[in-house]
Amino acid sequence: SAEIELKLKKISDLLRIIGGVFDLEKVEKDLEQVKEECNKSSIWDDQERAQKLFQKKSTLENAIKQYQEISNSFNDNKEYFDQFELENSGSF
């Protein structure tokens, strides 16, 4: 229906905006840098710094996971809608 299609377009636009604000590529690069720091043998020489790095690592991983879940959910729903429209286009 046109209403569902309009809602999907709005969600798609929001994801693009979020994607512009939430720079996935930069967050992934930051995560790789933090992982490199966490893997250094000297990480525990400064326990406070180590703790902050592991917290940052967790935060970045969660942000990436949540963004990907939202994006995947949208794409799945769009596919279902497109398939529904295709299957029902001749029956109205």
Protein backbone atom coordinates (compact mmCIF):
# COMPACT_ATOMS: atom_id res chain seq x y z
CA SER A 1 0.00 0.00 0.00
CA ALA A 2 1.05 3.59 -0.50
CA GLU A 3 0.97 4.23 3.24
CA ILE A 4 3.43 1.43 3.99
CA GLU A 5 5.64 2.50 1.12
CA LEU A 6 5.70 6.07 2.47
CA LYS A 7 6.60 4.82 5.96
CA LEU A 8 9.42 2.68 4.54
CA LYS A 9 10.74 5.67 2.61
CA LYS A 10 10.72 7.77 5.78
CA ILE A 11 12.58 5.05 7.66
CA SER A 12 15.05 4.74 4.80
CA ASP A 13 15.64 8.49 4.87
CA LEU A 14 16.16 8.37 8.66
CA LEU A 15 18.68 5.54 8.29
CA ARG A 16 20.60 7.62 5.75
CA ILE A 17 20.60 10.57 8.14
CA ILE A 18 21.69 8.36 11.03
CA GLY A 19 24.32 6.85 8.76
CA GLY A 20 25.59 10.35 8.05
CA VAL A 21 25.73 11.21 11.74
CA PHE A 22 26.84 7.75 12.80
CA ASP A 23 29.92 7.23 10.67
CA LEU A 24 30.03 3.42 10.67
CA GLU A 25 33.36 3.31 8.85
CA LYS A 26 34.98 5.64 11.39
CA VAL A 27 33.54 3.71 14.33
CA GLU A 28 34.86 0.46 12.86
CA LYS A 29 38.32 2.03 12.43
CA ASP A 30 38.22 3.34 15.99
CA LEU A 31 37.27 -0.12 17.20
CA GLU A 32 40.22 -1.68 15.36
CA GLN A 33 42.59 0.83 16.96
CA VAL A 34 41.17 0.12 20.42
CA LYS A 35 41.47 -3.63 19.81
CA GLU A 36 45.12 -3.18 18.84
CA GLU A 37 45.74 -1.28 22.08
CA CYS A 38 43.90 -3.94 24.10
CA ASN A 39 46.04 -6.69 22.56
CA LYS A 40 49.35 -5.10 23.58
CA SER A 41 51.18 -6.99 26.30
CA SER A 42 51.69 -3.75 28.22
CA ILE A 43 47.95 -3.08 28.47
CA TRP A 44 47.81 -3.86 32.20
CA ASP A 45 50.76 -1.62 33.10
CA ASP A 46 48.16 1.13 33.54
CA GLN A 47 45.01 -0.54 34.85
CA GLU A 48 42.90 2.60 34.72
CA ARG A 49 43.76 3.12 31.05
CA ALA A 50 43.16 -0.57 30.34
CA GLN A 51 39.74 -0.40 31.95
CA LYS A 52 38.82 2.70 29.90
CA LEU A 53 40.00 1.00 26.70
CA PHE A 54 37.93 -2.12 27.37
CA GLN A 55 34.89 0.05 28.16
CA LYS A 56 35.40 1.98 24.93
CA LYS A 57 35.79 -1.30 23.03
CA SER A 58 32.50 -2.56 24.44
CA THR A 59 30.72 0.71 23.67
CA LEU A 60 31.95 0.74 20.07
CA GLU A 61 31.03 -2.92 19.54
CA ASN A 62 27.53 -2.30 20.91
CA ALA A 63 27.04 0.78 18.73
CA ILE A 64 28.04 -1.14 15.60
CA LYS A 65 25.83 -4.08 16.54
CA GLN A 66 22.80 -1.87 17.18
CA TYR A 67 23.27 0.06 13.95
CA GLN A 68 23.59 -3.17 11.97
CA GLU A 69 20.51 -4.67 13.64
CA ILE A 70 18.41 -1.60 12.79
CA SER A 71 19.70 -1.54 9.23
CA ASN A 72 19.16 -5.28 8.74
CA SER A 73 15.67 -5.10 10.21
CA PHE A 74 14.75 -2.29 7.83
CA ASN A 75 16.17 -4.15 4.83
CA ASP A 76 14.31 -7.34 5.80
CA ASN A 77 11.02 -5.47 6.18
CA LYS A 78 11.54 -3.67 2.88
CA GLU A 79 12.14 -7.02 1.16
CA TYR A 80 8.94 -8.45 2.67
CA PHE A 81 6.99 -5.40 1.57
CA ASP A 82 8.44 -5.51 -1.96
CA GLN A 83 7.63 -9.23 -2.21
CA PHE A 84 4.11 -8.64 -0.90
CA GLU A 85 3.56 -5.87 -3.42
CA LEU A 86 4.87 -8.03 -6.24
CA GLU A 87 2.65 -10.95 -5.30
CA ASN A 88 -0.45 -8.78 -4.87
CA SER A 89 0.03 -6.25 -7.65
CA GLY A 90 -2.36 -8.00 -9.99
CA SER A 91 -5.08 -8.80 -7.46
CA PHE A 92 -6.34 -5.26 -6.72
